[in-house]
């Protein structure tokens, strides 16, 4: 039995490298460890 193939048309804008980098700029995040979370929680409890 022959497989039926469907064709799709995709419409999307063409990006230059500069435009792509502007739209998908890398976000630098500071990662918190479990130790940092516990430290913040304990300091909150002591202050309250």
PDB file of N, CA and C in Angstrom:
ATOM      1  N   UNK A   1       0.850  -1.159   0.000  1.00  0.00           N
ATOM      2  CA  UNK A   1       0.000   0.000   0.000  1.00  0.00           C
ATOM      3  C   UNK A   1       0.911   1.242   0.000  1.00  0.00           C
ATOM      4  N   UNK A   2       0.626   2.159  -0.850  1.00  0.00           N
ATOM      5  CA  UNK A   2       1.436   3.378  -0.958  1.00  0.00           C
ATOM      6  C   UNK A   2       1.033   4.377   0.128  1.00  0.00           C
ATOM      7  N   UNK A   3       2.027   5.009   0.723  1.00  0.00           N
ATOM      8  CA  UNK A   3       1.764   5.999   1.766  1.00  0.00           C
ATOM      9  C   UNK A   3       1.337   7.317   1.119  1.00  0.00           C
ATOM     10  N   UNK A   4       0.321   7.925   1.682  1.00  0.00           N
ATOM     11  CA  UNK A   4      -0.142   9.214   1.168  1.00  0.00           C
ATOM     12  C   UNK A   4       0.723  10.321   1.760  1.00  0.00           C
ATOM     13  N   UNK A   5       1.160  11.212   0.923  1.00  0.00           N
ATOM     14  CA  UNK A   5       2.002  12.311   1.396  1.00  0.00           C
ATOM     15  C   UNK A   5       1.224  13.612   1.281  1.00  0.00           C
ATOM     16  N   UNK A   6       1.299  14.392   2.340  1.00  0.00           N
ATOM     17  CA  UNK A   6       0.660  15.696   2.323  1.00  0.00           C
ATOM     18  C   UNK A   6       1.747  16.751   2.251  1.00  0.00           C
ATOM     19  N   UNK A   7       1.466  17.810   1.514  1.00  0.00           N
ATOM     20  CA  UNK A   7       2.423  18.897   1.392  1.00  0.00           C
ATOM     21  C   UNK A   7       1.924  20.083   2.190  1.00  0.00           C
ATOM     22  N   UNK A   8       2.849  20.711   2.910  1.00  0.00           N
ATOM     23  CA  UNK A   8       2.513  21.861   3.739  1.00  0.00           C
ATOM     24  C   UNK A   8       3.279  23.082   3.235  1.00  0.00           C
ATOM     25  N   UNK A   9       2.641  24.223   3.309  1.00  0.00           N
ATOM     26  CA  UNK A   9       3.291  25.480   2.962  1.00  0.00           C
ATOM     27  C   UNK A   9       3.474  26.266   4.255  1.00  0.00           C
ATOM     28  N   UNK A  10       4.713  26.674   4.526  1.00  0.00           N
ATOM     29  CA  UNK A  10       5.013  27.418   5.743  1.00  0.00           C
ATOM     30  C   UNK A  10       5.373  28.840   5.348  1.00  0.00           C
ATOM     31  N   UNK A  11       4.688  29.782   5.976  1.00  0.00           N
ATOM     32  CA  UNK A  11       4.958  31.184   5.691  1.00  0.00           C
ATOM     33  C   UNK A  11       5.571  31.825   6.929  1.00  0.00           C
ATOM     34  N   UNK A  12       6.799  32.300   6.800  1.00  0.00           N
ATOM     35  CA  UNK A  12       7.456  32.965   7.911  1.00  0.00           C
ATOM     36  C   UNK A  12       8.422  34.010   7.356  1.00  0.00           C
ATOM     37  N   UNK A  13       8.733  35.036   8.153  1.00  0.00           N
ATOM     38  CA  UNK A  13       9.630  36.082   7.662  1.00  0.00           C
ATOM     39  C   UNK A  13      11.068  35.583   7.536  1.00  0.00           C
ATOM     40  N   UNK A  14      11.796  36.200   6.643  1.00  0.00           N
ATOM     41  CA  UNK A  14      13.205  35.872   6.480  1.00  0.00           C
ATOM     42  C   UNK A  14      13.991  36.770   7.421  1.00  0.00           C
ATOM     43  N   UNK A  15      14.864  36.160   8.243  1.00  0.00           N
ATOM     44  CA  UNK A  15      15.628  36.900   9.239  1.00  0.00           C
ATOM     45  C   UNK A  15      17.059  37.124   8.761  1.00  0.00           C
ATOM     46  N   UNK A  16      17.559  38.312   9.027  1.00  0.00           N
ATOM     47  CA  UNK A  16      19.001  38.526   8.902  1.00  0.00           C
ATOM     48  C   UNK A  16      19.587  38.149  10.253  1.00  0.00           C
ATOM     49  N   UNK A  17      20.892  37.998  10.324  1.00  0.00           N
ATOM     50  CA  UNK A  17      21.501  37.622  11.606  1.00  0.00           C
ATOM     51  C   UNK A  17      21.264  38.685  12.662  1.00  0.00           C
ATOM     52  N   UNK A  18      21.353  39.962  12.281  1.00  0.00           N
ATOM     53  CA  UNK A  18      21.164  41.055  13.248  1.00  0.00           C
ATOM     54  C   UNK A  18      19.747  41.060  13.802  1.00  0.00           C
ATOM     55  N   UNK A  19      18.767  40.922  12.930  1.00  0.00           N
ATOM     56  CA  UNK A  19      17.370  40.921  13.369  1.00  0.00           C
ATOM     57  C   UNK A  19      17.091  39.722  14.261  1.00  0.00           C
ATOM     58  N   UNK A  20      17.622  38.574  13.893  1.00  0.00           N
ATOM     59  CA  UNK A  20      17.428  37.372  14.697  1.00  0.00           C
ATOM     60  C   UNK A  20      18.022  37.561  16.091  1.00  0.00           C
ATOM     61  N   UNK A  21      19.239  38.115  16.177  1.00  0.00           N
ATOM     62  CA  UNK A  21      19.890  38.322  17.474  1.00  0.00           C
ATOM     63  C   UNK A  21      19.120  39.321  18.333  1.00  0.00           C
ATOM     64  N   UNK A  22      18.522  40.340  17.706  1.00  0.00           N
ATOM     65  CA  UNK A  22      17.714  41.314  18.459  1.00  0.00           C
ATOM     66  C   UNK A  22      16.472  40.649  19.046  1.00  0.00           C
ATOM     67  N   UNK A  23      15.812  39.818  18.258  1.00  0.00           N
ATOM     68  CA  UNK A  23      14.568  39.185  18.701  1.00  0.00           C
ATOM     69  C   UNK A  23      14.809  38.073  19.710  1.00  0.00           C
ATOM     70  N   UNK A  24      15.929  37.401  19.611  1.00  0.00           N
ATOM     71  CA  UNK A  24      16.217  36.260  20.488  1.00  0.00           C
ATOM     72  C   UNK A  24      17.499  36.506  21.261  1.00  0.00           C
ATOM     73  N   UNK A  25      17.534  37.659  21.948  1.00  0.00           N
ATOM     74  CA  UNK A  25      18.712  38.027  22.714  1.00  0.00           C
ATOM     75  C   UNK A  25      18.854  37.098  23.918  1.00  0.00           C
ATOM     76  N   UNK A  26      20.067  36.665  24.177  1.00  0.00           N
ATOM     77  CA  UNK A  26      20.328  35.742  25.278  1.00  0.00           C
ATOM     78  C   UNK A  26      20.128  36.456  26.610  1.00  0.00           C
ATOM     79  N   UNK A  27      19.421  35.814  27.518  1.00  0.00           N
ATOM     80  CA  UNK A  27      19.160  36.366  28.835  1.00  0.00           C
ATOM     81  C   UNK A  27      20.075  35.656  29.831  1.00  0.00           C
ATOM     82  N   UNK A  28      20.846  36.436  30.564  1.00  0.00           N
ATOM     83  CA  UNK A  28      21.762  35.862  31.557  1.00  0.00           C
ATOM     84  C   UNK A  28      21.010  35.758  32.877  1.00  0.00           C
ATOM     85  N   UNK A  29      20.890  34.553  33.385  1.00  0.00           N
ATOM     86  CA  UNK A  29      20.190  34.324  34.649  1.00  0.00           C
ATOM     87  C   UNK A  29      21.170  33.812  35.685  1.00  0.00           C
ATOM     88  N   UNK A  30      21.008  34.298  36.903  1.00  0.00           N
ATOM     89  CA  UNK A  30      21.835  33.817  38.001  1.00  0.00           C
ATOM     90  C   UNK A  30      21.107  32.640  38.647  1.00  0.00           C
ATOM     91  N   UNK A  31      21.734  31.492  38.635  1.00  0.00           N
ATOM     92  CA  UNK A  31      21.117  30.279  39.174  1.00  0.00           C
ATOM     93  C   UNK A  31      21.264  30.232  40.683  1.00  0.00           C
ATOM     94  N   UNK A  32      20.178  29.912  41.365  1.00  0.00           N
ATOM     95  CA  UNK A  32      20.227  29.782  42.821  1.00  0.00           C
ATOM     96  C   UNK A  32      20.251  28.302  43.180  1.00  0.00           C
ATOM     97  N   UNK A  33      21.120  27.970  44.103  1.00  0.00           N
ATOM     98  CA  UNK A  33      21.209  26.597  44.574  1.00  0.00           C
ATOM     99  C   UNK A  33      20.233  26.398  45.727  1.00  0.00           C
ATOM    100  N   UNK A  34      20.068  25.176  46.159  1.00  0.00           N
ATOM    101  CA  UNK A  34      19.216  24.883  47.313  1.00  0.00           C
ATOM    102  C   UNK A  34      19.747  25.605  48.541  1.00  0.00           C
ATOM    103  N   UNK A  35      21.052  25.668  48.660  1.00  0.00           N
ATOM    104  CA  UNK A  35      21.677  26.361  49.789  1.00  0.00           C
ATOM    105  C   UNK A  35      21.271  27.842  49.791  1.00  0.00           C
ATOM    106  N   UNK A  36      21.253  28.479  48.639  1.00  0.00           N
ATOM    107  CA  UNK A  36      20.846  29.885  48.548  1.00  0.00           C
ATOM    108  C   UNK A  36      19.392  30.071  48.973  1.00  0.00           C
ATOM    109  N   UNK A  37      18.518  29.173  48.567  1.00  0.00           N
ATOM    110  CA  UNK A  37      17.105  29.261  48.945  1.00  0.00           C
ATOM    111  C   UNK A  37      16.921  29.106  50.458  1.00  0.00           C
ATOM    112  N   UNK A  38      17.617  28.152  51.048  1.00  0.00           N
ATOM    113  CA  UNK A  38      17.523  27.927  52.495  1.00  0.00           C
ATOM    114  C   UNK A  38      18.070  29.141  53.247  1.00  0.00           C
ATOM    115  N   UNK A  39      19.170  29.679  52.771  1.00  0.00           N
ATOM    116  CA  UNK A  39      19.767  30.857  53.388  1.00  0.00           C
ATOM    117  C   UNK A  39      18.787  32.035  53.360  1.00  0.00           C
ATOM    118  N   UNK A  40      18.133  32.267  52.219  1.00  0.00           N
ATOM    119  CA  UNK A  40      17.141  33.340  52.107  1.00  0.00           C
ATOM    120  C   UNK A  40      15.962  33.102  53.048  1.00  0.00           C
ATOM    121  N   UNK A  41      15.503  31.854  53.142  1.00  0.00           N
ATOM    122  CA  UNK A  41      14.377  31.517  54.002  1.00  0.00           C
ATOM    123  C   UNK A  41      14.734  31.753  55.470  1.00  0.00           C
ATOM    124  N   UNK A  42      15.917  31.332  55.879  1.00  0.00           N
ATOM    125  CA  UNK A  42      16.340  31.502  57.269  1.00  0.00           C
ATOM    126  C   UNK A  42      16.532  32.965  57.612  1.00  0.00           C
ATOM    127  N   UNK A  43      17.090  33.735  56.701  1.00  0.00           N
ATOM    128  CA  UNK A  43      17.296  35.160  56.981  1.00  0.00           C
ATOM    129  C   UNK A  43      15.940  35.877  57.054  1.00  0.00           C
ATOM    130  N   UNK A  44      14.953  35.421  56.297  1.00  0.00           N
ATOM    131  CA  UNK A  44      13.614  35.997  56.361  1.00  0.00           C
ATOM    132  C   UNK A  44      12.963  35.691  57.708  1.00  0.00           C
ATOM    133  N   UNK A  45      13.143  34.465  58.201  1.00  0.00           N
ATOM    134  CA  UNK A  45      12.564  34.044  59.472  1.00  0.00           C
ATOM    135  C   UNK A  45      13.170  34.817  60.643  1.00  0.00           C
ATOM    136  N   UNK A  46      14.459  35.065  60.590  1.00  0.00           N
ATOM    137  CA  UNK A  46      15.144  35.773  61.670  1.00  0.00           C
ATOM    138  C   UNK A  46      14.725  37.239  61.705  1.00  0.00           C
ATOM    139  N   UNK A  47      14.562  37.859  60.551  1.00  0.00           N
ATOM    140  CA  UNK A  47      14.196  39.270  60.464  1.00  0.00           C
ATOM    141  C   UNK A  47      12.756  39.478  60.910  1.00  0.00           C
ATOM    142  N   UNK A  48      11.863  38.554  60.619  1.00  0.00           N
ATOM    143  CA  UNK A  48      10.437  38.717  60.923  1.00  0.00           C
ATOM    144  C   UNK A  48      10.145  38.656  62.353  1.00  0.00           C
TER     145      UNK A  48
END
